[in-house]
């Protein structure tokens, strides 16, 4: 849950192209989530 909280605070965001009404970053390449290097103590 803390890892996800870090993601909420700093990374996770589904971005919408308002012209298309469509989520643009619908994959793990562009939808950013915390990885090992983001998590410390």
ModelCIF file with pLDDT and N, C-alpha, C, O atoms, coordinates in Angstrom:
data_MODEL
#
_entry.id   MODEL 
#
_entity.id                         1 
_entity.type                       polymer 
_entity.pdbx_number_of_molecules   1 
#
_entity_poly.entity_id                      1 
_entity_poly.type                           'polypeptide(L)' 
_entity_poly.nstd_linkage                   no 
_entity_poly.nstd_monomer                   no 
_entity_poly.pdbx_seq_one_letter_code       
;(UNK)(UNK)(UNK)(UNK)(UNK)(UNK)(UNK)(UNK)(UNK)(UNK)(UNK)(UNK)(UNK)(UNK)(UNK)(UNK)
(UNK)(UNK)(UNK)(UNK)(UNK)(UNK)(UNK)(UNK)(UNK)(UNK)(UNK)(UNK)(UNK)(UNK)(UNK)(UNK)
(UNK)(UNK)(UNK)(UNK)(UNK)(UNK)(UNK)(UNK)(UNK)
;
_entity_poly.pdbx_seq_one_letter_code_can   XXXXXXXXXXXXXXXXXXXXXXXXXXXXXXXXXXXXXXXXX 
_entity_poly.pdbx_strand_id                 A 
#
loop_
_entity_poly_seq.entity_id 
_entity_poly_seq.num 
_entity_poly_seq.mon_id 
_entity_poly_seq.hetero 
1 1  UNK n 
1 2  UNK n 
1 3  UNK n 
1 4  UNK n 
1 5  UNK n 
1 6  UNK n 
1 7  UNK n 
1 8  UNK n 
1 9  UNK n 
1 10 UNK n 
1 11 UNK n 
1 12 UNK n 
1 13 UNK n 
1 14 UNK n 
1 15 UNK n 
1 16 UNK n 
1 17 UNK n 
1 18 UNK n 
1 19 UNK n 
1 20 UNK n 
1 21 UNK n 
1 22 UNK n 
1 23 UNK n 
1 24 UNK n 
1 25 UNK n 
1 26 UNK n 
1 27 UNK n 
1 28 UNK n 
1 29 UNK n 
1 30 UNK n 
1 31 UNK n 
1 32 UNK n 
1 33 UNK n 
1 34 UNK n 
1 35 UNK n 
1 36 UNK n 
1 37 UNK n 
1 38 UNK n 
1 39 UNK n 
1 40 UNK n 
1 41 UNK n 
#
_struct_asym.id          A 
_struct_asym.entity_id   1 
#
loop_
_ma_qa_metric.id 
_ma_qa_metric.mode 
_ma_qa_metric.name 
_ma_qa_metric.software_group_id 
_ma_qa_metric.type 
1 global pLDDT . pLDDT 
2 local  pLDDT . pLDDT 
#
_ma_qa_metric_global.metric_id      1 
_ma_qa_metric_global.metric_value   96.71 
_ma_qa_metric_global.model_id       1 
_ma_qa_metric_global.ordinal_id     1 
#
loop_
_ma_qa_metric_local.label_asym_id 
_ma_qa_metric_local.label_comp_id 
_ma_qa_metric_local.label_seq_id 
_ma_qa_metric_local.metric_id 
_ma_qa_metric_local.metric_value 
_ma_qa_metric_local.model_id 
_ma_qa_metric_local.ordinal_id 
A UNK 1  2 98.00 1 1  
A UNK 2  2 98.00 1 2  
A UNK 3  2 98.00 1 3  
A UNK 4  2 97.00 1 4  
A UNK 5  2 98.00 1 5  
A UNK 6  2 98.00 1 6  
A UNK 7  2 98.00 1 7  
A UNK 8  2 98.00 1 8  
A UNK 9  2 98.00 1 9  
A UNK 10 2 98.00 1 10 
A UNK 11 2 97.00 1 11 
A UNK 12 2 97.00 1 12 
A UNK 13 2 97.00 1 13 
A UNK 14 2 98.00 1 14 
A UNK 15 2 97.00 1 15 
A UNK 16 2 97.00 1 16 
A UNK 17 2 97.00 1 17 
A UNK 18 2 97.00 1 18 
A UNK 19 2 96.00 1 19 
A UNK 20 2 97.00 1 20 
A UNK 21 2 97.00 1 21 
A UNK 22 2 97.00 1 22 
A UNK 23 2 97.00 1 23 
A UNK 24 2 97.00 1 24 
A UNK 25 2 97.00 1 25 
A UNK 26 2 96.00 1 26 
A UNK 27 2 94.00 1 27 
A UNK 28 2 93.00 1 28 
A UNK 29 2 94.00 1 29 
A UNK 30 2 96.00 1 30 
A UNK 31 2 97.00 1 31 
A UNK 32 2 96.00 1 32 
A UNK 33 2 96.00 1 33 
A UNK 34 2 96.00 1 34 
A UNK 35 2 95.00 1 35 
A UNK 36 2 95.00 1 36 
A UNK 37 2 95.00 1 37 
A UNK 38 2 96.00 1 38 
A UNK 39 2 97.00 1 39 
A UNK 40 2 97.00 1 40 
A UNK 41 2 98.00 1 41 
#
loop_
_atom_site.group_PDB 
_atom_site.id 
_atom_site.type_symbol 
_atom_site.label_atom_id 
_atom_site.label_alt_id 
_atom_site.label_comp_id 
_atom_site.label_asym_id 
_atom_site.label_entity_id 
_atom_site.label_seq_id 
_atom_site.pdbx_PDB_ins_code 
_atom_site.Cartn_x 
_atom_site.Cartn_y 
_atom_site.Cartn_z 
_atom_site.occupancy 
_atom_site.B_iso_or_equiv 
_atom_site.pdbx_formal_charge 
_atom_site.auth_seq_id 
_atom_site.auth_comp_id 
_atom_site.auth_asym_id 
_atom_site.auth_atom_id 
_atom_site.pdbx_PDB_model_num 
ATOM 1   N N  . UNK A 1 1  ? 0.824   -1.205 0.000   1.00 98.00 ? 1  UNK A N  1 
ATOM 2   C CA . UNK A 1 1  ? 0.000   0.000  0.000   1.00 98.00 ? 1  UNK A CA 1 
ATOM 3   C C  . UNK A 1 1  ? 0.862   1.262  0.000   1.00 98.00 ? 1  UNK A C  1 
ATOM 4   O O  . UNK A 1 1  ? 0.533   2.240  -0.671  1.00 98.00 ? 1  UNK A O  1 
ATOM 5   N N  . UNK A 1 2  ? 1.961   1.240  0.750   1.00 98.00 ? 2  UNK A N  1 
ATOM 6   C CA . UNK A 1 2  ? 2.865   2.394  0.765   1.00 98.00 ? 2  UNK A CA 1 
ATOM 7   C C  . UNK A 1 2  ? 3.478   2.597  -0.621  1.00 98.00 ? 2  UNK A C  1 
ATOM 8   O O  . UNK A 1 2  ? 3.597   3.728  -1.092  1.00 98.00 ? 2  UNK A O  1 
ATOM 9   N N  . UNK A 1 3  ? 3.865   1.501  -1.269  1.00 98.00 ? 3  UNK A N  1 
ATOM 10  C CA . UNK A 1 3  ? 4.409   1.606  -2.626  1.00 98.00 ? 3  UNK A CA 1 
ATOM 11  C C  . UNK A 1 3  ? 3.384   2.255  -3.549  1.00 98.00 ? 3  UNK A C  1 
ATOM 12  O O  . UNK A 1 3  ? 3.718   3.128  -4.350  1.00 98.00 ? 3  UNK A O  1 
ATOM 13  N N  . UNK A 1 4  ? 2.140   1.823  -3.426  1.00 97.00 ? 4  UNK A N  1 
ATOM 14  C CA . UNK A 1 4  ? 1.100   2.430  -4.263  1.00 97.00 ? 4  UNK A CA 1 
ATOM 15  C C  . UNK A 1 4  ? 0.897   3.897  -3.889  1.00 97.00 ? 4  UNK A C  1 
ATOM 16  O O  . UNK A 1 4  ? 0.662   4.734  -4.760  1.00 97.00 ? 4  UNK A O  1 
ATOM 17  N N  . UNK A 1 5  ? 0.988   4.208  -2.596  1.00 98.00 ? 5  UNK A N  1 
ATOM 18  C CA . UNK A 1 5  ? 0.868   5.601  -2.172  1.00 98.00 ? 5  UNK A CA 1 
ATOM 19  C C  . UNK A 1 5  ? 1.960   6.462  -2.771  1.00 98.00 ? 5  UNK A C  1 
ATOM 20  O O  . UNK A 1 5  ? 1.721   7.618  -3.121  1.00 98.00 ? 5  UNK A O  1 
ATOM 21  N N  . UNK A 1 6  ? 3.163   5.908  -2.894  1.00 98.00 ? 6  UNK A N  1 
ATOM 22  C CA . UNK A 1 6  ? 4.254   6.625  -3.558  1.00 98.00 ? 6  UNK A CA 1 
ATOM 23  C C  . UNK A 1 6  ? 3.895   6.853  -5.029  1.00 98.00 ? 6  UNK A C  1 
ATOM 24  O O  . UNK A 1 6  ? 4.150   7.924  -5.581  1.00 98.00 ? 6  UNK A O  1 
ATOM 25  N N  . UNK A 1 7  ? 3.300   5.834  -5.654  1.00 98.00 ? 7  UNK A N  1 
ATOM 26  C CA . UNK A 1 7  ? 2.861   5.984  -7.033  1.00 98.00 ? 7  UNK A CA 1 
ATOM 27  C C  . UNK A 1 7  ? 1.796   7.061  -7.182  1.00 98.00 ? 7  UNK A C  1 
ATOM 28  O O  . UNK A 1 7  ? 1.845   7.862  -8.116  1.00 98.00 ? 7  UNK A O  1 
ATOM 29  N N  . UNK A 1 8  ? 0.829   7.082  -6.260  1.00 98.00 ? 8  UNK A N  1 
ATOM 30  C CA . UNK A 1 8  ? -0.211  8.115  -6.302  1.00 98.00 ? 8  UNK A CA 1 
ATOM 31  C C  . UNK A 1 8  ? 0.392   9.501  -6.157  1.00 98.00 ? 8  UNK A C  1 
ATOM 32  O O  . UNK A 1 8  ? -0.017  10.444 -6.835  1.00 98.00 ? 8  UNK A O  1 
ATOM 33  N N  . UNK A 1 9  ? 1.371   9.615  -5.262  1.00 98.00 ? 9  UNK A N  1 
ATOM 34  C CA . UNK A 1 9  ? 1.952   10.919 -4.976  1.00 98.00 ? 9  UNK A CA 1 
ATOM 35  C C  . UNK A 1 9  ? 2.802   11.441 -6.126  1.00 98.00 ? 9  UNK A C  1 
ATOM 36  O O  . UNK A 1 9  ? 2.812   12.643 -6.392  1.00 98.00 ? 9  UNK A O  1 
ATOM 37  N N  . UNK A 1 10 ? 3.517   10.548 -6.813  1.00 98.00 ? 10 UNK A N  1 
ATOM 38  C CA . UNK A 1 10 ? 4.557   10.999 -7.732  1.00 98.00 ? 10 UNK A CA 1 
ATOM 39  C C  . UNK A 1 10 ? 4.411   10.553 -9.181  1.00 98.00 ? 10 UNK A C  1 
ATOM 40  O O  . UNK A 1 10 ? 4.998   11.180 -10.063 1.00 98.00 ? 10 UNK A O  1 
ATOM 41  N N  . UNK A 1 11 ? 3.646   9.486  -9.468  1.00 97.00 ? 11 UNK A N  1 
ATOM 42  C CA . UNK A 1 11 ? 3.755   8.900  -10.799 1.00 97.00 ? 11 UNK A CA 1 
ATOM 43  C C  . UNK A 1 11 ? 2.439   8.573  -11.496 1.00 97.00 ? 11 UNK A C  1 
ATOM 44  O O  . UNK A 1 11 ? 2.278   8.909  -12.669 1.00 97.00 ? 11 UNK A O  1 
ATOM 45  N N  . UNK A 1 12 ? 1.490   7.928  -10.813 1.00 97.00 ? 12 UNK A N  1 
ATOM 46  C CA . UNK A 1 12 ? 0.352   7.324  -11.515 1.00 97.00 ? 12 UNK A CA 1 
ATOM 47  C C  . UNK A 1 12 ? -0.637  8.368  -12.018 1.00 97.00 ? 12 UNK A C  1 
ATOM 48  O O  . UNK A 1 12 ? -1.138  9.197  -11.259 1.00 97.00 ? 12 UNK A O  1 
ATOM 49  N N  . UNK A 1 13 ? -0.902  8.304  -13.320 1.00 97.00 ? 13 UNK A N  1 
ATOM 50  C CA . UNK A 1 13 ? -1.797  9.270  -13.947 1.00 97.00 ? 13 UNK A CA 1 
ATOM 51  C C  . UNK A 1 13 ? -2.214  8.755  -15.317 1.00 97.00 ? 13 UNK A C  1 
ATOM 52  O O  . UNK A 1 13 ? -1.381  8.602  -16.211 1.00 97.00 ? 13 UNK A O  1 
ATOM 53  N N  . UNK A 1 14 ? -3.503  8.490  -15.479 1.00 98.00 ? 14 UNK A N  1 
ATOM 54  C CA . UNK A 1 14 ? -4.025  8.117  -16.797 1.00 98.00 ? 14 UNK A CA 1 
ATOM 55  C C  . UNK A 1 14 ? -4.393  9.402  -17.528 1.00 98.00 ? 14 UNK A C  1 
ATOM 56  O O  . UNK A 1 14 ? -5.302  10.123 -17.115 1.00 98.00 ? 14 UNK A O  1 
ATOM 57  N N  . UNK A 1 15 ? -3.690  9.679  -18.604 1.00 97.00 ? 15 UNK A N  1 
ATOM 58  C CA . UNK A 1 15 ? -3.845  10.954 -19.307 1.00 97.00 ? 15 UNK A CA 1 
ATOM 59  C C  . UNK A 1 15 ? -4.819  10.815 -20.470 1.00 97.00 ? 15 UNK A C  1 
ATOM 60  O O  . UNK A 1 15 ? -4.743  9.863  -21.247 1.00 97.00 ? 15 UNK A O  1 
ATOM 61  N N  . UNK A 1 16 ? -5.723  11.763 -20.580 1.00 97.00 ? 16 UNK A N  1 
ATOM 62  C CA . UNK A 1 16 ? -6.752  11.738 -21.614 1.00 97.00 ? 16 UNK A CA 1 
ATOM 63  C C  . UNK A 1 16 ? -6.452  12.761 -22.698 1.00 97.00 ? 16 UNK A C  1 
ATOM 64  O O  . UNK A 1 16 ? -6.165  13.921 -22.404 1.00 97.00 ? 16 UNK A O  1 
ATOM 65  N N  . UNK A 1 17 ? -6.519  12.331 -23.935 1.00 97.00 ? 17 UNK A N  1 
ATOM 66  C CA . UNK A 1 17 ? -6.523  13.256 -25.065 1.00 97.00 ? 17 UNK A CA 1 
ATOM 67  C C  . UNK A 1 17 ? -7.961  13.725 -25.213 1.00 97.00 ? 17 UNK A C  1 
ATOM 68  O O  . UNK A 1 17 ? -8.810  12.985 -25.709 1.00 97.00 ? 17 UNK A O  1 
ATOM 69  N N  . UNK A 1 18 ? -8.238  14.952 -24.785 1.00 97.00 ? 18 UNK A N  1 
ATOM 70  C CA . UNK A 1 18 ? -9.611  15.440 -24.760 1.00 97.00 ? 18 UNK A CA 1 
ATOM 71  C C  . UNK A 1 18 ? -10.214 15.541 -26.158 1.00 97.00 ? 18 UNK A C  1 
ATOM 72  O O  . UNK A 1 18 ? -11.434 15.482 -26.308 1.00 97.00 ? 18 UNK A O  1 
ATOM 73  N N  . UNK A 1 19 ? -9.376  15.691 -27.182 1.00 96.00 ? 19 UNK A N  1 
ATOM 74  C CA . UNK A 1 19 ? -9.910  15.752 -28.548 1.00 96.00 ? 19 UNK A CA 1 
ATOM 75  C C  . UNK A 1 19 ? -10.509 14.416 -28.961 1.00 96.00 ? 19 UNK A C  1 
ATOM 76  O O  . UNK A 1 19 ? -11.494 14.365 -29.699 1.00 96.00 ? 19 UNK A O  1 
ATOM 77  N N  . UNK A 1 20 ? -9.900  13.325 -28.474 1.00 97.00 ? 20 UNK A N  1 
ATOM 78  C CA . UNK A 1 20 ? -10.364 11.984 -28.825 1.00 97.00 ? 20 UNK A CA 1 
ATOM 79  C C  . UNK A 1 20 ? -11.203 11.348 -27.715 1.00 97.00 ? 20 UNK A C  1 
ATOM 80  O O  . UNK A 1 20 ? -11.894 10.357 -27.954 1.00 97.00 ? 20 UNK A O  1 
ATOM 81  N N  . UNK A 1 21 ? -11.149 11.908 -26.510 1.00 97.00 ? 21 UNK A N  1 
ATOM 82  C CA . UNK A 1 21 ? -11.826 11.302 -25.375 1.00 97.00 ? 21 UNK A CA 1 
ATOM 83  C C  . UNK A 1 21 ? -11.247 9.939  -25.044 1.00 97.00 ? 21 UNK A C  1 
ATOM 84  O O  . UNK A 1 21 ? -11.978 9.009  -24.704 1.00 97.00 ? 21 UNK A O  1 
ATOM 85  N N  . UNK A 1 22 ? -9.933  9.828  -25.144 1.00 97.00 ? 22 UNK A N  1 
ATOM 86  C CA . UNK A 1 22 ? -9.279  8.515  -25.092 1.00 97.00 ? 22 UNK A CA 1 
ATOM 87  C C  . UNK A 1 22 ? -8.036  8.590  -24.201 1.00 97.00 ? 22 UNK A C  1 
ATOM 88  O O  . UNK A 1 22 ? -7.278  9.559  -24.251 1.00 97.00 ? 22 UNK A O  1 
ATOM 89  N N  . UNK A 1 23 ? -7.843  7.546  -23.386 1.00 97.00 ? 23 UNK A N  1 
ATOM 90  C CA . UNK A 1 23 ? -6.633  7.469  -22.582 1.00 97.00 ? 23 UNK A CA 1 
ATOM 91  C C  . UNK A 1 23 ? -5.447  7.212  -23.504 1.00 97.00 ? 23 UNK A C  1 
ATOM 92  O O  . UNK A 1 23 ? -5.481  6.315  -24.346 1.00 97.00 ? 23 UNK A O  1 
ATOM 93  N N  . UNK A 1 24 ? -4.406  8.010  -23.333 1.00 97.00 ? 24 UNK A N  1 
ATOM 94  C CA . UNK A 1 24 ? -3.251  7.913  -24.238 1.00 97.00 ? 24 UNK A CA 1 
ATOM 95  C C  . UNK A 1 24 ? -2.205  6.917  -23.744 1.00 97.00 ? 24 UNK A C  1 
ATOM 96  O O  . UNK A 1 24 ? -1.612  6.195  -24.546 1.00 97.00 ? 24 UNK A O  1 
ATOM 97  N N  . UNK A 1 25 ? -1.978  6.873  -22.461 1.00 97.00 ? 25 UNK A N  1 
ATOM 98  C CA . UNK A 1 25 ? -0.866  6.071  -21.918 1.00 97.00 ? 25 UNK A CA 1 
ATOM 99  C C  . UNK A 1 25 ? -1.371  4.749  -21.359 1.00 97.00 ? 25 UNK A C  1 
ATOM 100 O O  . UNK A 1 25 ? -1.221  4.461  -20.172 1.00 97.00 ? 25 UNK A O  1 
ATOM 101 N N  . UNK A 1 26 ? -1.979  3.940  -22.249 1.00 96.00 ? 26 UNK A N  1 
ATOM 102 C CA . UNK A 1 26 ? -2.600  2.695  -21.795 1.00 96.00 ? 26 UNK A CA 1 
ATOM 103 C C  . UNK A 1 26 ? -1.664  1.495  -21.922 1.00 96.00 ? 26 UNK A C  1 
ATOM 104 O O  . UNK A 1 26 ? -2.036  0.465  -22.484 1.00 96.00 ? 26 UNK A O  1 
ATOM 105 N N  . UNK A 1 27 ? -0.463  1.636  -21.403 1.00 94.00 ? 27 UNK A N  1 
ATOM 106 C CA . UNK A 1 27 ? 0.471   0.518  -21.337 1.00 94.00 ? 27 UNK A CA 1 
ATOM 107 C C  . UNK A 1 27 ? 1.502   0.832  -20.264 1.00 94.00 ? 27 UNK A C  1 
ATOM 108 O O  . UNK A 1 27 ? 1.551   1.948  -19.747 1.00 94.00 ? 27 UNK A O  1 
ATOM 109 N N  . UNK A 1 28 ? 2.327   -0.160 -19.931 1.00 93.00 ? 28 UNK A N  1 
ATOM 110 C CA . UNK A 1 28 ? 3.307   0.035  -18.871 1.00 93.00 ? 28 UNK A CA 1 
ATOM 111 C C  . UNK A 1 28 ? 4.515   0.852  -19.329 1.00 93.00 ? 28 UNK A C  1 
ATOM 112 O O  . UNK A 1 28 ? 5.344   1.246  -18.508 1.00 93.00 ? 28 UNK A O  1 
ATOM 113 N N  . UNK A 1 29 ? 4.619   1.105  -20.620 1.00 94.00 ? 29 UNK A N  1 
ATOM 114 C CA . UNK A 1 29 ? 5.695   1.974  -21.088 1.00 94.00 ? 29 UNK A CA 1 
ATOM 115 C C  . UNK A 1 29 ? 5.413   3.423  -20.716 1.00 94.00 ? 29 UNK A C  1 
ATOM 116 O O  . UNK A 1 29 ? 6.335   4.182  -20.420 1.00 94.00 ? 29 UNK A O  1 
ATOM 117 N N  . UNK A 1 30 ? 4.139   3.809  -20.731 1.00 96.00 ? 30 UNK A N  1 
ATOM 118 C CA . UNK A 1 30 ? 3.773   5.212  -20.515 1.00 96.00 ? 30 UNK A CA 1 
ATOM 119 C C  . UNK A 1 30 ? 2.965   5.445  -19.238 1.00 96.00 ? 30 UNK A C  1 
ATOM 120 O O  . UNK A 1 30 ? 2.930   6.564  -18.728 1.00 96.00 ? 30 UNK A O  1 
ATOM 121 N N  . UNK A 1 31 ? 2.319   4.405  -18.720 1.00 97.00 ? 31 UNK A N  1 
ATOM 122 C CA . UNK A 1 31 ? 1.626   4.549  -17.440 1.00 97.00 ? 31 UNK A CA 1 
ATOM 123 C C  . UNK A 1 31 ? 2.655   4.240  -16.354 1.00 97.00 ? 31 UNK A C  1 
ATOM 124 O O  . UNK A 1 31 ? 3.022   3.082  -16.154 1.00 97.00 ? 31 UNK A O  1 
ATOM 125 N N  . UNK A 1 32 ? 3.106   5.247  -15.674 1.00 96.00 ? 32 UNK A N  1 
ATOM 126 C CA . UNK A 1 32 ? 4.243   5.095  -14.772 1.00 96.00 ? 32 UNK A CA 1 
ATOM 127 C C  . UNK A 1 32 ? 3.802   4.599  -13.400 1.00 96.00 ? 32 UNK A C  1 
ATOM 128 O O  . UNK A 1 32 ? 2.871   5.129  -12.795 1.00 96.00 ? 32 UNK A O  1 
ATOM 129 N N  . UNK A 1 33 ? 4.491   3.576  -12.931 1.00 96.00 ? 33 UNK A N  1 
ATOM 130 C CA . UNK A 1 33 ? 4.274   3.031  -11.592 1.00 96.00 ? 33 UNK A CA 1 
ATOM 131 C C  . UNK A 1 33 ? 5.625   2.883  -10.915 1.00 96.00 ? 33 UNK A C  1 
ATOM 132 O O  . UNK A 1 33 ? 6.645   2.805  -11.599 1.00 96.00 ? 33 UNK A O  1 
ATOM 133 N N  . UNK A 1 34 ? 5.660   2.840  -9.587  1.00 96.00 ? 34 UNK A N  1 
ATOM 134 C CA . UNK A 1 34 ? 6.949   2.685  -8.900  1.00 96.00 ? 34 UNK A CA 1 
ATOM 135 C C  . UNK A 1 34 ? 7.615   1.360  -9.260  1.00 96.00 ? 34 UNK A C  1 
ATOM 136 O O  . UNK A 1 34 ? 6.955   0.329  -9.392  1.00 96.00 ? 34 UNK A O  1 
ATOM 137 N N  . UNK A 1 35 ? 8.924   1.412  -9.414  1.00 95.00 ? 35 UNK A N  1 
ATOM 138 C CA . UNK A 1 35 ? 9.726   0.215  -9.645  1.00 95.00 ? 35 UNK A CA 1 
ATOM 139 C C  . UNK A 1 35 ? 10.726  0.092  -8.493  1.00 95.00 ? 35 UNK A C  1 
ATOM 140 O O  . UNK A 1 35 ? 10.763  0.936  -7.598  1.00 95.00 ? 35 UNK A O  1 
ATOM 141 N N  . UNK A 1 36 ? 11.528  -0.963 -8.527  1.00 95.00 ? 36 UNK A N  1 
ATOM 142 C CA . UNK A 1 36 ? 12.443  -1.220 -7.407  1.00 95.00 ? 36 UNK A CA 1 
ATOM 143 C C  . UNK A 1 36 ? 13.307  -0.018 -7.049  1.00 95.00 ? 36 UNK A C  1 
ATOM 144 O O  . UNK A 1 36 ? 13.516  0.265  -5.870  1.00 95.00 ? 36 UNK A O  1 
ATOM 145 N N  . UNK A 1 37 ? 13.806  0.684  -8.047  1.00 95.00 ? 37 UNK A N  1 
ATOM 146 C CA . UNK A 1 37 ? 14.701  1.812  -7.791  1.00 95.00 ? 37 UNK A CA 1 
ATOM 147 C C  . UNK A 1 37 ? 13.989  2.970  -7.090  1.00 95.00 ? 37 UNK A C  1 
ATOM 148 O O  . UNK A 1 37 ? 14.641  3.832  -6.502  1.00 95.00 ? 37 UNK A O  1 
ATOM 149 N N  . UNK A 1 38 ? 12.666  2.992  -7.150  1.00 96.00 ? 38 UNK A N  1 
ATOM 150 C CA . UNK A 1 38 ? 11.902  4.065  -6.501  1.00 96.00 ? 38 UNK A CA 1 
ATOM 151 C C  . UNK A 1 38 ? 11.667  3.810  -5.022  1.00 96.00 ? 38 UNK A C  1 
ATOM 152 O O  . UNK A 1 38 ? 11.315  4.730  -4.284  1.00 96.00 ? 38 UNK A O  1 
ATOM 153 N N  . UNK A 1 39 ? 11.855  2.589  -4.586  1.00 97.00 ? 39 UNK A N  1 
ATOM 154 C CA . UNK A 1 39 ? 11.466  2.201  -3.228  1.00 97.00 ? 39 UNK A CA 1 
ATOM 155 C C  . UNK A 1 39 ? 12.702  1.960  -2.376  1.00 97.00 ? 39 UNK A C  1 
ATOM 156 O O  . UNK A 1 39 ? 13.586  1.182  -2.736  1.00 97.00 ? 39 UNK A O  1 
ATOM 157 N N  . UNK A 1 40 ? 12.745  2.642  -1.242  1.00 97.00 ? 40 UNK A N  1 
ATOM 158 C CA . UNK A 1 40 ? 13.856  2.448  -0.323  1.00 97.00 ? 40 UNK A CA 1 
ATOM 159 C C  . UNK A 1 40 ? 13.322  1.916  1.012   1.00 97.00 ? 40 UNK A C  1 
ATOM 160 O O  . UNK A 1 40 ? 12.654  0.882  1.026   1.00 97.00 ? 40 UNK A O  1 
ATOM 161 N N  . UNK A 1 41 ? 13.591  2.573  2.104   1.00 98.00 ? 41 UNK A N  1 
ATOM 162 C CA . UNK A 1 41 ? 13.278  2.023  3.422   1.00 98.00 ? 41 UNK A CA 1 
ATOM 163 C C  . UNK A 1 41 ? 11.819  2.279  3.799   1.00 98.00 ? 41 UNK A C  1 
ATOM 164 O O  . UNK A 1 41 ? 11.383  1.883  4.880   1.00 98.00 ? 41 UNK A O  1 
#
